[in-house]
C-alpha atoms as a PDB file:
ATOM      1  CA  MET A   1      47.232-111.627-123.328  1.00  0.00           C
ATOM      2  CA  LYS A   2      45.384-108.441-124.387  1.00  0.00           C
ATOM      3  CA  ASN A   3      48.122-106.559-124.369  1.00  0.00           C
ATOM      4  CA  PHE A   4      49.910-108.414-127.120  1.00  0.00           C
ATOM      5  CA  VAL A   5      47.186-108.451-129.205  1.00  0.00           C
ATOM      6  CA  LEU A   6      47.144-104.604-128.867  1.00  0.00           C
ATOM      7  CA  LEU A   7      51.110-104.504-129.238  1.00  0.00           C
ATOM      8  CA  PHE A   8      50.727-106.750-132.355  1.00  0.00           C
ATOM      9  CA  ALA A   9      48.183-104.861-133.853  1.00  0.00           C
ATOM     10  CA  VAL A  10      49.745-101.443-134.134  1.00  0.00           C
ATOM     11  CA  ALA A  11      53.053-103.320-135.114  1.00  0.00           C
ATOM     12  CA  CYS A  12      51.249-104.196-138.081  1.00  0.00           C
ATOM     13  CA  LEU A  13      49.810-100.751-138.696  1.00  0.00           C
ATOM     14  CA  LEU A  14      53.436 -99.421-138.928  1.00  0.00           C
ATOM     15  CA  VAL A  15      54.834-101.950-141.012  1.00  0.00           C
ATOM     16  CA  LEU A  16      51.200-101.037-143.272  1.00  0.00           C
ATOM     17  CA  ASN A  17      52.093 -97.417-143.076  1.00  0.00           C
ATOM     18  CA  ILE A  18      55.913 -97.916-143.817  1.00  0.00           C
ATOM     19  CA  GLN A  19      55.176 -99.881-146.950  1.00  0.00           C
ATOM     20  CA  ALA A  20      52.715 -97.787-148.007  1.00  0.00           C
ATOM     21  CA  PHE A  21      55.039 -94.590-147.753  1.00  0.00           C
ATOM     22  CA  ALA A  22      57.917 -96.513-149.408  1.00  0.00           C
ATOM     23  CA  GLN A  23      56.250 -97.103-152.301  1.00  0.00           C
ATOM     24  CA  ASN A  24      55.807 -93.241-152.851  1.00  0.00           C
ATOM     25  CA  VAL A  25      58.155 -91.287-154.628  1.00  0.00           C
ATOM     26  CA  THR A  26      59.054 -87.582-155.588  1.00  0.00           C
ATOM     27  CA  ILE A  27      58.821 -86.527-158.782  1.00  0.00           C
ATOM     28  CA  ASN A  28      59.875 -83.614-160.243  1.00  0.00           C
ATOM     29  CA  GLY A  29      60.396 -81.662-163.478  1.00  0.00           C
ATOM     30  CA  ARG A  30      59.296 -78.008-165.377  1.00  0.00           C
ATOM     31  CA  VAL A  31      55.859 -77.525-167.229  1.00  0.00           C
ATOM     32  CA  THR A  32      56.704 -75.817-170.490  1.00  0.00           C
ATOM     33  CA  THR A  33      54.644 -74.097-173.879  1.00  0.00           C
ATOM     34  CA  PHE A  34      56.272 -73.851-177.070  1.00  0.00           C
ATOM     35  CA  ASP A  35      59.290 -75.800-175.652  1.00  0.00           C
ATOM     36  CA  LYS A  36      60.962 -72.956-173.717  1.00  0.00           C
ATOM     37  CA  TYR A  37      58.547 -70.768-171.455  1.00  0.00           C
ATOM     38  CA  GLY A  38      57.894 -71.900-167.987  1.00  0.00           C
ATOM     39  CA  LEU A  39      53.818 -72.173-167.263  1.00  0.00           C
ATOM     40  CA  ASN A  40      52.946 -70.876-163.691  1.00  0.00           C
ATOM     41  CA  ARG A  41      50.320 -72.565-161.615  1.00  0.00           C
ATOM     42  CA  VAL A  42      50.023 -75.182-163.524  1.00  0.00           C
ATOM     43  CA  THR A  43      47.453 -77.714-161.346  1.00  0.00           C
ATOM     44  CA  ILE A  44      49.475 -81.364-161.425  1.00  0.00           C
ATOM     45  CA  THR A  45      47.411 -83.631-159.974  1.00  0.00           C
ATOM     46  CA  ALA A  46      48.169 -87.834-159.171  1.00  0.00           C
ATOM     47  CA  LYS A  47      45.156 -89.409-160.081  1.00  0.00           C
ATOM     48  CA  LYS A  48      45.301 -92.098-158.258  1.00  0.00           C
ATOM     49  CA  SER A  49      45.977 -90.716-154.603  1.00  0.00           C
ATOM     50  CA  GLY A  50      44.370 -87.411-155.055  1.00  0.00           C
ATOM     51  CA  ILE A  51      47.610 -85.690-154.275  1.00  0.00           C
ATOM     52  CA  ILE A  52      47.862 -82.143-155.768  1.00  0.00           C
ATOM     53  CA  ALA A  53      50.782 -79.758-156.720  1.00  0.00           C
ATOM     54  CA  GLU A  54      51.386 -76.826-158.547  1.00  0.00           C
ATOM     55  CA  SER A  55      54.152 -75.161-160.809  1.00  0.00           C
ATOM     56  CA  ASP A  56      56.124 -72.457-159.931  1.00  0.00           C
ATOM     57  CA  SER A  57      56.690 -68.877-161.461  1.00  0.00           C
ATOM     58  CA  SER A  58      59.296 -70.742-163.688  1.00  0.00           C
ATOM     59  CA  GLY A  59      57.195 -74.068-164.129  1.00  0.00           C
ATOM     60  CA  TYR A  60      58.831 -76.366-161.583  1.00  0.00           C
ATOM     61  CA  TYR A  61      57.041 -78.594-159.617  1.00  0.00           C
ATOM     62  CA  VAL A  62      57.529 -80.940-157.218  1.00  0.00           C
ATOM     63  CA  ILE A  63      54.965 -83.968-155.919  1.00  0.00           C
ATOM     64  CA  ILE A  64      54.872 -86.953-153.997  1.00  0.00           C
ATOM     65  CA  CYS A  65      52.912 -89.970-155.124  1.00  0.00           C
ATOM     66  CA  PRO A  66      52.830 -93.393-155.356  1.00  0.00           C
ATOM     67  CA  ALA A  67      55.393 -94.932-157.998  1.00  0.00           C
ATOM     68  CA  ASP A  68      52.271 -96.274-160.102  1.00  0.00           C
ATOM     69  CA  ASP A  69      50.378 -93.050-160.239  1.00  0.00           C
ATOM     70  CA  LYS A  70      48.984 -91.301-163.131  1.00  0.00           C
ATOM     71  CA  LEU A  71      49.864 -87.511-163.043  1.00  0.00           C
ATOM     72  CA  VAL A  72      47.578 -85.018-165.245  1.00  0.00           C
ATOM     73  CA  PHE A  73      48.876 -81.133-166.313  1.00  0.00           C
ATOM     74  CA  GLU A  74      46.339 -78.594-166.664  1.00  0.00           C
ATOM     75  CA  ALA A  75      46.158 -74.871-167.270  1.00  0.00           C
ATOM     76  CA  ASN A  76      43.599 -72.830-168.472  1.00  0.00           C
ATOM     77  CA  GLY A  77      43.604 -72.280-172.214  1.00  0.00           C
ATOM     78  CA  PHE A  78      46.158 -75.024-173.115  1.00  0.00           C
ATOM     79  CA  THR A  79      45.438 -78.388-173.903  1.00  0.00           C
ATOM     80  CA  GLN A  80      45.392 -81.185-171.375  1.00  0.00           C
ATOM     81  CA  GLN A  81      48.280 -84.055-170.595  1.00  0.00           C
ATOM     82  CA  LYS A  82      48.334 -87.094-168.845  1.00  0.00           C
ATOM     83  CA  ILE A  83      51.434 -89.422-167.989  1.00  0.00           C
ATOM     84  CA  ASN A  84      51.695 -92.315-166.947  1.00  0.00           C
ATOM     85  CA  LEU A  85      54.415 -92.960-163.476  1.00  0.00           C
ATOM     86  CA  LYS A  86      54.157 -96.631-164.071  1.00  0.00           C
ATOM     87  CA  ASN A  87      57.525 -98.590-165.571  1.00  0.00           C
ATOM     88  CA  ARG A  88      59.098 -95.076-165.363  1.00  0.00           C
ATOM     89  CA  ASP A  89      61.984 -94.548-163.953  1.00  0.00           C
ATOM     90  CA  VAL A  90      61.091 -92.060-160.943  1.00  0.00           C
ATOM     91  CA  THR A  91      64.935 -90.772-160.710  1.00  0.00           C
ATOM     92  CA  ASP A  92      64.158 -88.570-164.354  1.00  0.00           C
ATOM     93  CA  SER A  93      62.852 -85.885-164.212  1.00  0.00           C
ATOM     94  CA  VAL A  94      59.160 -85.596-165.820  1.00  0.00           C
ATOM     95  CA  ASN A  95      58.988 -82.624-168.159  1.00  0.00           C
ATOM     96  CA  ILE A  96      55.705 -81.414-169.688  1.00  0.00           C
ATOM     97  CA  ASN A  97      55.038 -79.156-172.947  1.00  0.00           C
ATOM     98  CA  LEU A  98      51.431 -77.880-173.132  1.00  0.00           C
ATOM     99  CA  LYS A  99      50.163 -76.584-176.347  1.00  0.00           C
ATOM    100  CA  LEU A 100      47.926 -73.432-175.951  1.00  0.00           C
ATOM    101  CA  GLY A 101      44.490 -74.351-176.854  1.00  0.00           C
ATOM    102  CA  GLN A 102      43.190 -73.890-180.153  1.00  0.00           C
ATOM    103  CA  SER A 103      40.459 -70.506-180.189  1.00  0.00           C
ATOM    104  CA  ASP A 104      42.194 -67.389-180.220  1.00  0.00           C
ATOM    105  CA  LYS A 105      40.185 -66.660-176.558  1.00  0.00           C
ATOM    106  CA  ASN A 106      42.940 -68.913-174.989  1.00  0.00           C
ATOM    107  CA  ILE A 107      45.626 -66.684-175.143  1.00  0.00           C
ATOM    108  CA  GLU A 108      43.668 -63.901-172.950  1.00  0.00           C
ATOM    109  CA  ILE A 109      42.306 -66.958-170.707  1.00  0.00           C
ATOM    110  CA  ALA A 110      46.095 -68.480-170.558  1.00  0.00           C
ATOM    111  CA  THR A 111      47.114 -64.986-169.531  1.00  0.00           C
ATOM    112  CA  GLY A 112      44.178 -63.508-167.063  1.00  0.00           C
ATOM    113  CA  TYR A 113      44.569 -67.052-165.069  1.00  0.00           C
ATOM    114  CA  GLY A 114      48.887 -65.965-164.424  1.00  0.00           C
ATOM    115  CA  HIS A 115      50.141 -68.846-166.191  1.00  0.00           C
ATOM    116  CA  ILE A 116      52.197 -66.645-168.686  1.00  0.00           C
ATOM    117  CA  ASN A 117      53.253 -63.201-169.695  1.00  0.00           C
ATOM    118  CA  LYS A 118      50.786 -61.838-172.905  1.00  0.00           C
ATOM    119  CA  ASN A 119      53.843 -60.647-174.450  1.00  0.00           C
ATOM    120  CA  ARG A 120      55.671 -63.592-174.084  1.00  0.00           C
ATOM    121  CA  LEU A 121      52.907 -66.048-174.996  1.00  0.00           C
ATOM    122  CA  THR A 122      51.819 -63.658-178.135  1.00  0.00           C
ATOM    123  CA  HIS A 123      55.580 -63.420-179.275  1.00  0.00           C
ATOM    124  CA  ALA A 124      56.050 -67.115-179.065  1.00  0.00           C
ATOM    125  CA  ILE A 125      52.625 -67.856-181.477  1.00  0.00           C
ATOM    126  CA  GLU A 126      53.931 -65.551-183.803  1.00  0.00           C
ATOM    127  CA  GLN A 127      57.433 -66.293-183.459  1.00  0.00           C
ATOM    128  CA  LEU A 128      58.384 -70.011-183.005  1.00  0.00           C
ATOM    129  CA  GLU A 129      62.340 -70.058-182.159  1.00  0.00           C
ATOM    130  CA  SER A 130      63.491 -67.447-184.748  1.00  0.00           C
ATOM    131  CA  GLY A 131      67.086 -68.422-185.536  1.00  0.00           C
ATOM    132  CA  GLU A 132      66.417 -72.175-184.126  1.00  0.00           C
ATOM    133  CA  ASP A 133      68.142 -75.435-185.726  1.00  0.00           C
ATOM    134  CA  PHE A 134      65.213 -76.918-187.589  1.00  0.00           C
ATOM    135  CA  SER A 135      67.414 -79.736-189.594  1.00  0.00           C
ATOM    136  CA  GLY A 136      65.738 -82.547-187.098  1.00  0.00           C
ATOM    137  CA  TYR A 137      62.466 -82.545-188.245  1.00  0.00           C
ATOM    138  CA  SER A 138      61.912 -84.227-191.114  1.00  0.00           C
ATOM    139  CA  SER A 139      59.949 -81.767-193.034  1.00  0.00           C
ATOM    140  CA  VAL A 140      58.991 -78.036-192.671  1.00  0.00           C
ATOM    141  CA  VAL A 141      55.298 -79.361-192.305  1.00  0.00           C
ATOM    142  CA  ASP A 142      56.742 -81.329-189.424  1.00  0.00           C
ATOM    143  CA  ILE A 143      57.967 -78.342-187.441  1.00  0.00           C
ATOM    144  CA  ILE A 144      54.666 -76.420-187.651  1.00  0.00           C
ATOM    145  CA  LYS A 145      52.587 -79.849-186.602  1.00  0.00           C
ATOM    146  CA  GLY A 146      55.048 -79.955-183.345  1.00  0.00           C
ATOM    147  CA  ARG A 147      55.317 -76.503-182.746  1.00  0.00           C
ATOM    148  CA  VAL A 148      51.778 -75.120-183.156  1.00  0.00           C
ATOM    149  CA  SER A 149      47.511 -76.335-181.709  1.00  0.00           C
ATOM    150  CA  GLY A 150      45.279 -76.522-183.975  1.00  0.00           C
ATOM    151  CA  VAL A 151      47.020 -77.363-187.312  1.00  0.00           C
ATOM    152  CA  GLN A 152      45.533 -79.771-189.878  1.00  0.00           C
ATOM    153  CA  VAL A 153      47.920 -81.300-192.508  1.00  0.00           C
ATOM    154  CA  SER A 154      45.808 -82.929-196.062  1.00  0.00           C
ATOM    155  CA  PRO A 155      47.394 -84.546-198.635  1.00  0.00           C
ATOM    156  CA  THR A 156      47.775 -80.804-200.568  1.00  0.00           C
ATOM    157  CA  SER A 157      47.343 -77.894-198.137  1.00  0.00           C
ATOM    158  CA  ILE A 158      48.063 -76.616-194.401  1.00  0.00           C
ATOM    159  CA  SER A 159      44.531 -75.370-192.037  1.00  0.00           C
ATOM    160  CA  ILE A 160      44.770 -73.639-189.023  1.00  0.00           C
ATOM    161  CA  ARG A 161      41.369 -74.094-186.981  1.00  0.00           C
ATOM    162  CA  GLY A 162      40.324 -71.500-184.935  1.00  0.00           C
ATOM    163  CA  THR A 163      40.430 -68.524-188.306  1.00  0.00           C
ATOM    164  CA  SER A 164      37.894 -67.762-191.090  1.00  0.00           C
ATOM    165  CA  THR A 165      36.930 -69.774-194.128  1.00  0.00           C
ATOM    166  CA  TYR A 166      37.754 -67.155-197.003  1.00  0.00           C
ATOM    167  CA  GLN A 167      39.236 -69.995-199.105  1.00  0.00           C
ATOM    168  CA  GLY A 168      38.434 -73.003-197.637  1.00  0.00           C
ATOM    169  CA  ASN A 169      40.446 -72.725-194.890  1.00  0.00           C
ATOM    170  CA  GLU A 170      44.010 -72.941-195.866  1.00  0.00           C
ATOM    171  CA  ALA A 171      46.612 -70.873-194.581  1.00  0.00           C
ATOM    172  CA  LEU A 172      48.477 -68.857-196.666  1.00  0.00           C
ATOM    173  CA  LEU A 173      51.788 -69.916-197.388  1.00  0.00           C
ATOM    174  CA  ILE A 174      54.789 -67.417-197.895  1.00  0.00           C
ATOM    175  CA  VAL A 175      58.512 -68.345-198.354  1.00  0.00           C
ATOM    176  CA  ASP A 176      60.884 -65.245-198.163  1.00  0.00           C
ATOM    177  CA  GLU A 177      58.239 -62.501-198.677  1.00  0.00           C
ATOM    178  CA  THR A 178      56.974 -65.198-202.111  1.00  0.00           C
ATOM    179  CA  ILE A 179      53.569 -67.025-201.900  1.00  0.00           C
ATOM    180  CA  VAL A 180      54.169 -70.272-202.317  1.00  0.00           C
ATOM    181  CA  ASP A 181      52.319 -73.736-202.700  1.00  0.00           C
ATOM    182  CA  PHE A 182      52.120 -76.741-200.696  1.00  0.00           C
ATOM    183  CA  ASN A 183      54.143 -78.728-202.694  1.00  0.00           C
ATOM    184  CA  PHE A 184      57.340 -76.117-202.396  1.00  0.00           C
ATOM    185  CA  LEU A 185      56.919 -75.909-198.578  1.00  0.00           C
ATOM    186  CA  LYS A 186      56.674 -79.630-198.386  1.00  0.00           C
ATOM    187  CA  ASN A 187      59.827 -80.028-199.998  1.00  0.00           C
ATOM    188  CA  MET A 188      61.989 -77.286-198.586  1.00  0.00           C
ATOM    189  CA  PRO A 189      65.139 -78.825-196.773  1.00  0.00           C
ATOM    190  CA  THR A 190      64.810 -78.019-192.750  1.00  0.00           C
ATOM    191  CA  SER A 191      68.180 -77.252-192.781  1.00  0.00           C
ATOM    192  CA  GLU A 192      67.594 -74.171-195.208  1.00  0.00           C
ATOM    193  CA  VAL A 193      64.397 -72.945-192.411  1.00  0.00           C
ATOM    194  CA  LYS A 194      65.846 -69.917-190.071  1.00  0.00           C
ATOM    195  CA  SER A 195      62.601 -68.619-188.809  1.00  0.00           C
ATOM    196  CA  VAL A 196      59.055 -69.767-188.611  1.00  0.00           C
ATOM    197  CA  ASN A 197      55.725 -67.458-187.810  1.00  0.00           C
ATOM    198  CA  VAL A 198      52.265 -68.612-187.986  1.00  0.00           C
ATOM    199  CA  LEU A 199      50.206 -65.475-187.895  1.00  0.00           C
ATOM    200  CA  LYS A 200      46.518 -65.459-187.197  1.00  0.00           C
ATOM    201  CA  GLY A 201      43.371 -63.341-186.639  1.00  0.00           C
ATOM    202  CA  ALA A 202      44.032 -59.368-186.547  1.00  0.00           C
ATOM    203  CA  SER A 203      47.893 -59.841-186.872  1.00  0.00           C
ATOM    204  CA  ALA A 204      47.955 -61.866-190.196  1.00  0.00           C
ATOM    205  CA  SER A 205      45.078 -59.323-191.728  1.00  0.00           C
ATOM    206  CA  ALA A 206      46.593 -56.256-190.770  1.00  0.00           C
ATOM    207  CA  ARG A 207      49.698 -57.979-193.062  1.00  0.00           C
ATOM    208  CA  TYR A 208      48.284 -59.434-195.850  1.00  0.00           C
ATOM    209  CA  GLY A 209      44.697 -58.303-196.147  1.00  0.00           C
ATOM    210  CA  ALA A 210      41.487 -60.690-196.947  1.00  0.00           C
ATOM    211  CA  ARG A 211      43.773 -63.360-198.043  1.00  0.00           C
ATOM    212  CA  GLY A 212      45.482 -63.767-194.196  1.00  0.00           C
ATOM    213  CA  MET A 213      42.176 -64.699-192.793  1.00  0.00           C
ATOM    214  CA  ASP A 214      42.520 -68.365-192.782  1.00  0.00           C
ATOM    215  CA  GLY A 215      45.873 -67.917-191.019  1.00  0.00           C
ATOM    216  CA  VAL A 216      49.192 -67.297-192.657  1.00  0.00           C
ATOM    217  CA  ILE A 217      52.507 -69.748-192.338  1.00  0.00           C
ATOM    218  CA  VAL A 218      55.695 -67.154-192.557  1.00  0.00           C
ATOM    219  CA  ILE A 219      59.071 -69.051-193.473  1.00  0.00           C
ATOM    220  CA  GLU A 220      62.231 -67.448-193.835  1.00  0.00           C
ATOM    221  CA  THR A 221      65.027 -69.394-194.885  1.00  0.00           C
ATOM    222  CA  LYS A 222      68.851 -68.727-194.112  1.00  0.00           C
ATOM    223  CA  SER A 223      69.677 -68.584-197.818  1.00  0.00           C
ATOM    224  CA  LYS A 224      67.312 -64.972-197.853  1.00  0.00           C
ATOM    225  CA  LYS A 225      69.393 -61.669-199.263  1.00  0.00           C
END
C-alpha cells in the first residue's frame, strides 16, 4: 500500500511538471534603436518567472517563459519597455525598439556599456534615416516625435528636453537651409521630406551658434536644388 501511495505521488508530481513545462513558450525577437540598429547586451527579464536572457551583438534574443508572462527590456542609457505576452500570438517575434534617454549623458552610458558603437549612435541621433520614405506619417511633427526621445510639442512650437533655455527652449527649425516657423513645418507634406536631422549640444551650437543652443531640427526636402 505504501509503495502504491509513493508511486501515485511521484506520478502526480510528474504530471504537474509536464503541465508547467507545457505552459512555457519560446519567445524570440530583436531589440533595436532608431528602428534599425541592433542593441547588444540588452537584459530581457520575464517578471513572473524571473527568467533572464540577453540580446546578442546584433540585438537578437531568445527566452523561454510562461505564455502569460510580462517581458521587461532594459539597457543602460535607454528607456525601459515592457511587453505583456498574455493574449499574444506566441509564434510571432517580439521585436522592440528602445529609445535613447533624454539626457546627452546617455550617449556615453549606452556606448560605455557596449550596447551600441558610439559612432553609429551619434550618426543615428543626427541623421534620421536619410532618404527614407516618410509618406506614411501624418505630419512632419509626427516623424520627429516618433523617432527622437525627449521631443515636446505644443500648439505653437517644438522643444527638445535636455537642451538649454536660450530662447524659451524652442528648437530652431530649418527647412532647406531656411529658418521656418512651426506652422510651416506642421503643414509640410511628409511625402516631400528627404531627411530629418536633429542636432543637440555642441554639434548644434557649432553650426548655428547661440540660436542652436535649444536644439535644431534640420529638414531637407526632395525638391531642394
